[in-house]
Protein backbone atom coordinates (compact mmCIF):
# COMPACT_ATOMS: atom_id res chain seq x y z
CA MET A 1 -10.65 9.22 -27.49
CA GLU A 2 -11.40 7.95 -24.12
CA ASN A 3 -9.00 4.95 -24.36
CA THR A 4 -6.12 7.38 -25.40
CA ARG A 5 -6.99 9.70 -22.47
CA ALA A 6 -7.05 6.78 -20.12
CA ALA A 7 -3.53 5.48 -21.46
CA LYS A 8 -1.89 8.76 -21.02
CA THR A 9 -3.17 9.24 -17.35
CA ILE A 10 -2.23 5.70 -16.58
CA SER A 11 1.16 6.29 -18.27
CA LEU A 12 1.66 9.73 -16.07
CA LEU A 13 0.63 7.57 -12.92
CA TRP A 14 2.98 4.93 -13.79
CA PHE A 15 5.80 7.27 -14.52
CA GLY A 16 5.22 8.94 -11.22
CA SER A 17 5.22 5.59 -9.37
CA ILE A 18 8.36 4.75 -11.14
CA LEU A 19 10.15 7.93 -9.96
CA THR A 20 8.74 7.43 -6.45
CA ALA A 21 9.80 3.72 -6.25
CA GLY A 22 13.17 4.77 -7.63
CA CYS A 23 13.75 7.12 -4.69
CA VAL A 24 12.65 4.49 -2.36
CA PHE A 25 14.88 1.96 -4.03
CA LEU A 26 17.93 4.37 -4.02
CA ILE A 27 17.32 5.08 -0.30
CA GLN A 28 17.47 1.37 0.49
CA VAL A 29 20.48 1.00 -1.79
CA ILE A 30 22.11 4.01 0.20
CA LEU A 31 21.16 2.44 3.59
CA ALA A 32 22.34 -0.94 2.53
CA HIS A 33 25.79 0.29 1.94
CA ASN A 34 26.13 2.59 4.97
CA LEU A 35 24.26 0.34 7.77
CA GLU A 36 25.27 -3.21 8.97
CA PRO A 37 22.74 -5.81 7.72
CA ASP A 38 21.44 -6.33 11.05
CA ASP A 39 20.54 -2.66 11.48
CA PHE A 40 19.19 -2.60 7.91
CA GLY A 41 16.96 -5.45 8.83
CA THR A 42 15.76 -3.72 12.06
CA PHE A 43 15.02 -0.52 10.15
CA TYR A 44 12.69 -2.03 7.48
CA SER A 45 11.05 -4.46 9.84
CA ALA A 46 10.15 -1.46 11.82
CA LEU A 47 8.72 0.34 8.82
CA ALA A 48 6.76 -2.70 8.03
CA THR A 49 5.17 -2.68 11.66
CA ILE A 50 4.16 0.72 11.07
CA SER A 51 2.47 0.04 7.80
CA LEU A 52 0.44 -2.64 9.63
CA LEU A 53 -0.60 -0.20 12.26
CA ILE A 54 -1.24 2.56 9.87
CA SER A 55 -4.07 0.44 8.25
CA LEU A 56 -5.97 0.44 11.56
CA ALA A 57 -5.88 4.18 11.82
CA GLY A 58 -8.89 5.44 9.95
CA PHE A 59 -9.73 1.79 9.29
CA GLY A 60 -10.80 1.89 5.69
CA VAL A 61 -12.52 5.25 5.69
CA SER A 62 -10.65 6.76 2.81
CA GLN A 63 -11.21 3.67 0.67
CA TYR A 64 -14.99 3.70 1.64
CA TRP A 65 -15.10 7.31 0.43
CA LEU A 66 -14.45 5.78 -3.14
CA LYS A 67 -17.52 3.55 -3.00
CA VAL A 68 -19.83 6.00 -1.29
CA PHE A 69 -19.00 8.78 -4.04
CA GLY A 70 -19.52 6.32 -6.62
CA LYS A 71 -22.89 5.45 -5.42
CA GLU A 72 -24.21 8.83 -4.04
CA GLY A 73 -22.17 11.38 -6.00
CA ARG A 74 -21.66 14.68 -4.87
CA PRO A 75 -24.07 14.39 -1.76
CA ALA A 76 -21.45 12.00 -0.29
CA VAL A 77 -19.79 14.79 1.30
CA ARG A 78 -22.29 14.42 4.28
CA TRP A 79 -19.90 11.64 5.24
CA LEU A 80 -16.79 13.79 5.58
CA SER A 81 -17.21 15.22 9.25
CA SER A 82 -17.92 11.91 10.83
CA SER A 83 -15.21 10.44 8.77
CA PHE A 84 -12.60 12.79 10.20
CA ARG A 85 -13.78 12.44 13.95
CA PHE A 86 -13.52 8.57 13.70
CA THR A 87 -10.14 8.69 11.99
CA GLY A 88 -8.99 11.08 14.78
CA ILE A 89 -9.95 8.84 17.60
CA SER A 90 -8.72 5.59 15.95
CA THR A 91 -5.22 7.28 15.11
CA VAL A 92 -5.01 8.16 18.83
CA VAL A 93 -5.67 4.61 19.79
CA VAL A 94 -3.30 3.26 17.32
CA ILE A 95 -0.43 5.25 18.30
CA LEU A 96 -1.02 4.18 22.11
CA LEU A 97 -0.93 0.69 20.87
CA LEU A 98 2.41 1.25 19.16
CA VAL A 99 3.88 2.76 22.23
CA ILE A 100 2.93 -0.09 24.34
CA TRP A 101 4.23 -2.71 21.67
CA ALA A 102 7.53 -0.58 21.53
CA VAL A 103 7.97 -0.58 25.31
CA PHE A 104 6.94 -3.99 26.12
CA GLY A 105 7.40 -5.92 22.86
CA PRO A 106 9.78 -8.89 22.69
CA HIS A 107 12.59 -6.86 21.18
CA ASP A 108 15.80 -4.99 22.00
CA SER A 109 16.29 -1.21 22.90
CA LEU A 110 17.26 -0.32 19.46
CA MET A 111 14.10 -1.64 17.84
CA THR A 112 12.12 0.15 20.71
CA THR A 113 13.68 3.43 19.92
CA ILE A 114 13.27 3.17 16.10
CA LEU A 115 9.59 2.34 16.64
CA LEU A 116 9.06 5.08 18.82
CA ILE A 117 10.74 7.58 16.49
CA LEU A 118 8.86 6.30 13.50
CA ALA A 119 5.52 6.66 15.30
CA VAL A 120 5.12 9.98 13.74
CA CYS A 121 4.84 8.27 10.20
CA ILE A 122 1.32 6.93 11.26
CA LEU A 123 0.27 10.78 11.34
CA GLY A 124 1.91 11.81 8.02
CA GLN A 125 0.47 8.63 6.19
CA ILE A 126 -3.08 8.53 7.32
CA VAL A 127 -3.59 12.17 6.39
CA THR A 128 -1.78 11.43 2.96
CA ASP A 129 -4.15 8.57 2.30
CA PHE A 130 -7.20 10.78 2.59
CA VAL A 131 -5.63 13.49 0.36
CA ASN A 132 -4.82 10.79 -2.14
CA THR A 133 -8.56 9.71 -2.17
CA LYS A 134 -9.68 13.21 -2.67
CA LEU A 135 -7.37 13.82 -5.60
CA GLN A 136 -8.40 10.44 -7.21
CA LEU A 137 -12.25 11.74 -6.84
CA GLU A 138 -11.25 14.80 -8.48
CA GLU A 139 -8.99 13.04 -11.00
CA ARG A 140 -6.27 15.50 -10.41
CA TYR A 141 -3.69 12.88 -11.25
CA ILE A 142 -0.63 15.51 -11.60
CA ALA A 143 -1.34 16.41 -7.94
CA PHE A 144 -1.66 12.92 -7.02
CA PHE A 145 1.84 12.07 -8.72
CA ILE A 146 3.44 15.27 -6.93
CA LEU A 147 1.96 14.00 -3.46
CA GLN A 148 3.35 10.47 -4.14
CA LEU A 149 6.65 11.50 -5.13
CA LEU A 150 7.68 14.52 -2.74
CA PRO A 151 8.04 12.57 0.46
CA GLN A 152 10.21 9.96 -1.03
CA LEU A 153 12.31 12.37 -2.97
CA MET A 154 12.79 14.58 0.11
CA ARG A 155 13.84 11.72 2.24
CA LEU A 156 16.41 10.67 -0.45
CA LEU A 157 17.98 13.87 -0.66
CA TRP A 158 18.32 14.42 3.00
CA VAL A 159 20.00 11.07 3.40
CA ALA A 160 22.10 11.38 0.40
CA ILE A 161 23.36 15.02 1.48
CA PHE A 162 23.73 13.78 5.15
CA ILE A 163 26.06 10.89 4.21
CA TYR A 164 27.89 13.11 1.78
CA VAL A 165 28.62 15.52 4.42
CA ALA A 166 29.05 13.27 7.41
CA SER A 167 30.15 10.12 5.29
CA THR A 168 28.06 7.74 7.71
CA ILE A 169 24.57 7.50 9.00
CA THR A 170 23.03 5.88 11.89
CA ILE A 171 19.64 3.86 12.08
CA GLN A 172 18.22 6.35 14.47
CA LEU A 173 19.13 9.48 12.03
CA ALA A 174 17.53 7.47 9.30
CA ALA A 175 14.27 6.87 11.20
CA SER A 176 14.49 10.74 12.17
CA PHE A 177 14.47 11.70 8.87
CA TYR A 178 11.62 9.59 7.84
CA ALA A 179 9.52 10.99 10.72
CA ALA A 180 10.41 14.52 9.97
CA ILE A 181 9.03 14.40 6.30
CA SER A 182 5.89 12.56 7.69
CA LEU A 183 5.45 15.52 9.91
CA ILE A 184 5.79 18.00 7.21
CA PHE A 185 3.22 16.15 5.05
CA PHE A 186 0.80 15.59 7.93
CA ILE A 187 0.64 19.56 8.40
CA VAL A 188 0.28 20.10 4.44
CA GLY A 189 -2.45 17.34 4.39
CA ILE A 190 -4.37 18.67 7.27
CA TYR A 191 -4.57 22.11 5.49
CA LEU A 192 -5.81 20.30 2.48
CA LEU A 193 -8.46 18.35 4.11
CA PHE A 194 -9.70 21.43 6.13
CA ARG A 195 -10.35 23.30 2.54
CA MET A 196 -12.04 19.88 1.55
CA HIS A 197 -14.32 19.90 4.68
CA LYS A 198 -15.00 23.74 3.83
CA GLY A 199 -16.48 22.60 0.49
CA ILE A 200 -13.40 23.36 -1.78
CA PHE A 201 -13.97 19.90 -3.39
CA LEU A 202 -15.39 18.98 -6.73
CA PRO A 203 -15.38 15.23 -7.68
CA LYS A 204 -15.24 14.47 -11.36
CA GLY A 205 -17.86 12.30 -13.02
CA HIS A 206 -20.20 12.76 -10.18
CA TYR A 207 -23.66 14.42 -9.46
CA VAL A 208 -22.95 18.19 -9.13
CA ILE A 209 -26.08 20.10 -9.84
CA GLU A 210 -28.92 17.89 -8.40
CA PRO A 211 -28.44 14.95 -6.36
CA PRO A 212 -30.24 11.71 -7.25
CA PRO A 213 -33.35 10.91 -5.59
CA HIS A 214 -32.18 8.11 -3.30
CA VAL A 215 -29.64 10.44 -1.60
CA SER A 216 -31.36 13.77 -1.66
CA SER A 217 -32.79 13.42 1.65
CA LEU A 218 -30.20 11.45 3.56
CA ASN A 219 -28.90 12.85 6.93
CA LYS A 220 -25.35 13.09 8.05
CA PRO A 221 -24.17 9.94 9.38
CA GLY A 222 -22.52 9.63 12.79
CA ILE A 223 -19.25 8.10 13.85
CA PHE A 224 -20.84 4.60 14.41
CA GLN A 225 -22.31 4.70 10.91
CA VAL A 226 -18.95 5.53 9.58
CA ALA A 227 -17.16 2.56 11.40
CA VAL A 228 -19.95 0.01 10.29
CA GLN A 229 -19.61 0.99 6.66
CA SER A 230 -15.66 1.50 6.47
CA TRP A 231 -14.81 -1.56 8.47
CA PRO A 232 -14.67 -4.03 5.68
CA PHE A 233 -12.26 -1.85 3.69
CA GLY A 234 -10.23 -1.37 6.93
CA MET A 235 -9.96 -5.19 7.47
CA ALA A 236 -9.10 -5.83 3.77
CA ARG A 237 -6.16 -3.30 4.20
CA LEU A 238 -5.08 -4.90 7.32
CA PHE A 239 -5.14 -8.44 5.98
CA TYR A 240 -3.37 -7.49 2.79
CA LEU A 241 -0.58 -5.76 4.75
CA ILE A 242 -0.36 -8.94 7.17
CA TYR A 243 -0.20 -11.23 4.08
CA LEU A 244 2.54 -8.90 2.21
CA GLN A 245 4.70 -7.63 4.98
CA SER A 246 4.32 -10.43 7.89
CA ASP A 247 7.45 -12.09 6.27
CA ILE A 248 9.89 -9.21 7.05
CA ILE A 249 8.46 -8.88 10.63
CA LEU A 250 8.60 -12.48 11.34
CA LEU A 251 12.05 -12.93 10.02
CA LYS A 252 13.32 -10.14 12.26
CA TYR A 253 12.13 -11.80 15.12
CA MET A 254 12.66 -15.39 14.23
CA ALA A 255 15.93 -15.45 12.16
CA GLY A 256 17.38 -12.17 13.11
CA GLY A 257 17.81 -8.56 11.37
CA GLU A 258 20.43 -9.78 8.96
CA VAL A 259 18.29 -12.30 7.34
CA ALA A 260 15.06 -9.84 7.56
CA GLY A 261 17.59 -7.40 5.52
CA ILE A 262 18.49 -9.87 2.71
CA TYR A 263 14.89 -10.68 2.47
CA ASN A 264 13.86 -6.96 2.35
CA VAL A 265 16.22 -6.50 -0.71
CA ALA A 266 14.35 -9.01 -2.80
CA PHE A 267 10.97 -7.82 -1.46
CA SER A 268 11.94 -4.14 -2.61
CA VAL A 269 12.58 -5.17 -6.18
CA MET A 270 9.26 -7.03 -6.30
CA ALA A 271 7.42 -3.99 -4.78
CA ALA A 272 8.74 -1.94 -7.46
CA ILE A 273 7.64 -4.39 -10.13
CA PHE A 274 3.99 -4.40 -8.55
CA LEU A 275 3.86 -0.73 -9.14
CA LEU A 276 2.06 -1.20 -12.58
CA PRO A 277 -1.04 -3.11 -11.21
CA ASN A 278 -1.16 -0.62 -8.24
CA VAL A 279 -1.26 2.33 -10.55
CA VAL A 280 -4.00 0.81 -12.82
CA GLN A 281 -6.05 0.16 -9.71
CA THR A 282 -5.42 3.90 -8.60
CA PHE A 283 -6.70 4.95 -11.86
CA LEU A 284 -9.63 2.56 -12.18
CA LEU A 285 -11.06 2.15 -8.64
CA PRO A 286 -13.03 5.55 -8.68
CA LYS A 287 -14.48 4.88 -12.20
CA MET A 288 -15.19 1.17 -11.28
CA HIS A 289 -17.42 2.16 -8.35
CA ARG A 290 -19.35 4.64 -10.67
CA TRP A 291 -19.79 1.93 -13.30
CA ALA A 292 -20.78 -0.78 -10.99
CA ASN A 293 -23.79 1.48 -10.18
CA HIS A 294 -24.39 3.24 -13.34
CA ASP A 295 -22.68 1.54 -16.41
CA ARG A 296 -22.61 -2.13 -15.97
CA ASP A 297 -21.39 -2.83 -19.60
CA LYS A 298 -18.24 -0.81 -19.10
CA PHE A 299 -17.73 -2.59 -15.70
CA ASP A 300 -18.01 -6.10 -17.59
CA GLN A 301 -15.46 -4.91 -20.47
CA VAL A 302 -12.73 -4.16 -18.09
CA TYR A 303 -13.35 -7.30 -16.03
CA GLN A 304 -12.99 -9.35 -19.02
CA GLN A 305 -10.04 -7.72 -20.74
CA GLY A 306 -8.14 -6.58 -17.91
CA PRO A 307 -6.61 -10.10 -16.75
CA LEU A 308 -5.30 -11.16 -20.08
CA VAL A 309 -3.31 -7.80 -20.60
CA MET A 310 -1.86 -8.05 -17.06
CA PHE A 311 -0.91 -11.77 -17.35
CA ALA A 312 1.10 -10.96 -20.33
CA ILE A 313 2.87 -7.96 -18.49
CA GLY A 314 3.39 -10.23 -15.52
CA ILE A 315 5.37 -12.86 -17.66
CA ILE A 316 7.55 -10.30 -19.21
CA ALA A 317 8.37 -8.77 -15.78
CA MET A 318 9.10 -12.26 -14.34
CA ALA A 319 11.50 -13.25 -17.10
CA LEU A 320 13.34 -9.77 -16.73
CA ILE A 321 13.83 -10.56 -13.08
CA TRP A 322 15.39 -13.80 -13.88
CA VAL A 323 17.68 -12.45 -16.25
CA LEU A 324 18.87 -9.38 -14.48
CA ALA A 325 18.73 -10.30 -10.83
CA PRO A 326 22.24 -12.20 -10.66
CA TRP A 327 24.22 -9.04 -11.48
CA ALA A 328 21.91 -6.27 -10.53
CA ILE A 329 21.53 -7.22 -6.81
CA PRO A 330 25.25 -7.45 -5.95
CA PHE A 331 26.02 -4.33 -7.94
CA LEU A 332 23.35 -2.29 -6.40
CA PHE A 333 23.39 -3.53 -2.86
CA GLY A 334 26.89 -5.01 -2.36
CA ASN A 335 28.16 -8.72 -2.08
CA PRO A 336 26.72 -9.03 1.57
CA TYR A 337 23.10 -9.15 -0.03
CA LYS A 338 24.00 -11.61 -2.81
CA PRO A 339 21.86 -14.34 -1.24
CA ALA A 340 18.91 -12.09 -2.05
CA VAL A 341 19.05 -13.24 -5.64
CA GLU A 342 17.84 -16.82 -4.84
CA ILE A 343 15.02 -15.35 -2.94
CA LEU A 344 14.14 -12.99 -5.82
CA PHE A 345 14.07 -15.86 -8.25
CA ILE A 346 11.36 -17.50 -6.09
CA LEU A 347 9.49 -14.13 -5.48
CA ALA A 348 9.48 -13.65 -9.22
CA ILE A 349 7.10 -16.39 -9.85
CA SER A 350 4.61 -14.30 -8.17
CA ALA A 351 4.96 -11.53 -10.84
CA PRO A 352 2.00 -12.86 -13.27
CA ILE A 353 -0.01 -14.21 -10.71
CA PHE A 354 -0.13 -10.91 -8.83
CA PHE A 355 -0.83 -8.93 -11.71
CA VAL A 356 -3.89 -11.11 -12.78
CA ALA A 357 -5.12 -11.30 -9.14
CA SER A 358 -4.93 -7.37 -8.88
CA SER A 359 -6.93 -6.93 -11.87
CA ILE A 360 -9.59 -9.34 -10.80
CA GLU A 361 -9.58 -7.80 -7.44
CA VAL A 362 -10.80 -4.51 -8.63
CA THR A 363 -14.32 -6.16 -9.09
CA LEU A 364 -14.35 -7.26 -5.45
CA VAL A 365 -14.17 -3.79 -4.08
CA THR A 366 -17.37 -2.42 -5.56
CA GLN A 367 -21.11 -2.23 -4.42
CA ASP A 368 -21.32 -4.88 -1.50
CA ASN A 369 -18.72 -7.14 -2.63
CA ILE A 370 -15.91 -5.93 -0.37
CA LYS A 371 -16.83 -8.47 2.63
CA LYS A 372 -16.17 -11.15 0.00
CA LYS A 373 -12.60 -9.99 -0.52
CA VAL A 374 -12.26 -9.43 3.24
CA LYS A 375 -12.72 -13.27 3.64
CA ILE A 376 -10.46 -14.39 1.23
CA ILE A 377 -7.57 -11.88 1.93
CA GLY A 378 -8.05 -12.71 5.56
CA ALA A 379 -7.66 -16.29 4.93
CA ALA A 380 -4.55 -15.68 2.83
CA ALA A 381 -2.98 -13.66 5.84
CA VAL A 382 -3.67 -16.43 8.28
CA ILE A 383 -2.22 -19.04 5.86
CA ASN A 384 0.88 -16.82 5.30
CA VAL A 385 1.60 -16.26 8.84
CA CYS A 386 0.98 -19.90 9.55
CA LEU A 387 3.44 -20.87 6.75
CA ASN A 388 6.09 -18.50 7.86
CA ILE A 389 6.02 -19.75 11.35
CA ALA A 390 6.47 -23.14 10.06
CA PHE A 391 8.97 -22.48 7.22
CA ILE A 392 11.21 -19.69 8.72
CA PRO A 393 12.85 -21.86 11.53
CA ILE A 394 13.97 -24.44 8.87
CA TYR A 395 14.33 -22.59 5.53
CA GLY A 396 14.68 -19.06 6.66
CA ALA A 397 14.24 -16.39 4.06
CA VAL A 398 13.72 -19.08 1.31
CA GLY A 399 10.81 -20.21 3.24
CA ALA A 400 9.16 -16.98 3.64
CA ALA A 401 9.59 -16.60 -0.19
CA VAL A 402 7.96 -19.93 -0.94
CA ALA A 403 5.08 -19.00 1.64
CA THR A 404 4.62 -15.61 -0.50
CA VAL A 405 4.28 -17.53 -3.85
CA PHE A 406 1.62 -19.95 -2.37
CA CYS A 407 -0.48 -17.23 -0.92
CA ASN A 408 -0.54 -15.33 -4.02
CA SER A 409 -1.53 -18.22 -5.91
CA PHE A 410 -4.35 -18.76 -3.35
CA LEU A 411 -5.41 -15.33 -3.67
CA LEU A 412 -5.83 -15.53 -7.53
CA LEU A 413 -7.78 -18.77 -7.36
CA PHE A 414 -10.19 -17.42 -4.92
CA TYR A 415 -10.45 -13.93 -6.41
CA TYR A 416 -11.21 -15.51 -9.64
CA LEU A 417 -13.87 -18.02 -8.27
CA GLU A 418 -15.59 -15.00 -6.44
CA SER A 419 -15.52 -12.71 -9.37
CA LEU A 420 -17.35 -15.44 -11.47
CA LYS A 421 -20.23 -14.77 -9.09
CA VAL A 422 -20.07 -10.83 -9.24
CA SER A 423 -19.92 -10.49 -13.09
CA LYS A 424 -23.05 -12.62 -13.66
């Protein structure tokens, strides 16, 4: 019964993620057909930059919530007030850094404008991250699914309707649509977090009536304590995004917007493929934090069985990409993006590697193991940036793809070696 319920929940989250990714994918297809490749690359390299900066706002606090609630149970609400204050301060700092980079960075006026417009997305995404964690803890997966889907669905509708009416769109308008939707969900998210702060919050599977003895007398932590506890999660996310998205940013500055746009087409396909392991992590993380502290047999069972299942699915995904890419990419994006097929063939090798790595990775965010993950993902990020700097001037987007596959393999190897120590 428990396995059936888990399968249904994962299927729901996967379906929601597919719909969300479908919206994102359609937006990219529409923009690819209505923007010049150079503008298309500029837009998505700007979005990648924003994603990196979002990881600094809050700096891992929402991910730390999963750990602390898994350990303390319901009394972990004591962390909420300081978490919100710390996030507010860090978000202001991050937006200031973005403005400085936009104005004084080594890019043209168009990139400056797009970065400044998209700054609003930092507010929307950081609040959404907190609400998503709240819904994970409450196991309200339908609400989680809706919150994932709605922003992208609204952006798709706005872009599609505008192009239908006006027959064209500019990169500035596309950025404005993204920013406007982010502002809407920032306001909605603030309201939901305010209710959470006022006690309208009931995490599932946690202590509700009587707190466990080890947390019954703990005081509310300060901002400094929040920063000390959350920084490994923030660093892990930052390094992950650097390792994942630095390719697009470096291609923009080292090879031009057109090359970045072509690479982004291949990258967007892989991002859609990687939805399944991300969905499984979304479902498992709150439970793995609990099982690591209170049900070690269940924790070990998931660790042993997960990688085998994910490897099989990853092999199937890789084969499908190799078969479908040659006709799907030109059909969906147009002939100017046909060079993305070669890049996608290379990136597809990462599918089984990434699937297995994501399954093993879950064990490295529980208890005090996150610092081990930080070291591994940090090394992968540095290696990825160095390889891109070395390869892009010579091989262009193909070099960036090879660097990605190498770094995925690096992650899998060291995640596995470290997880052997954790599982003992």
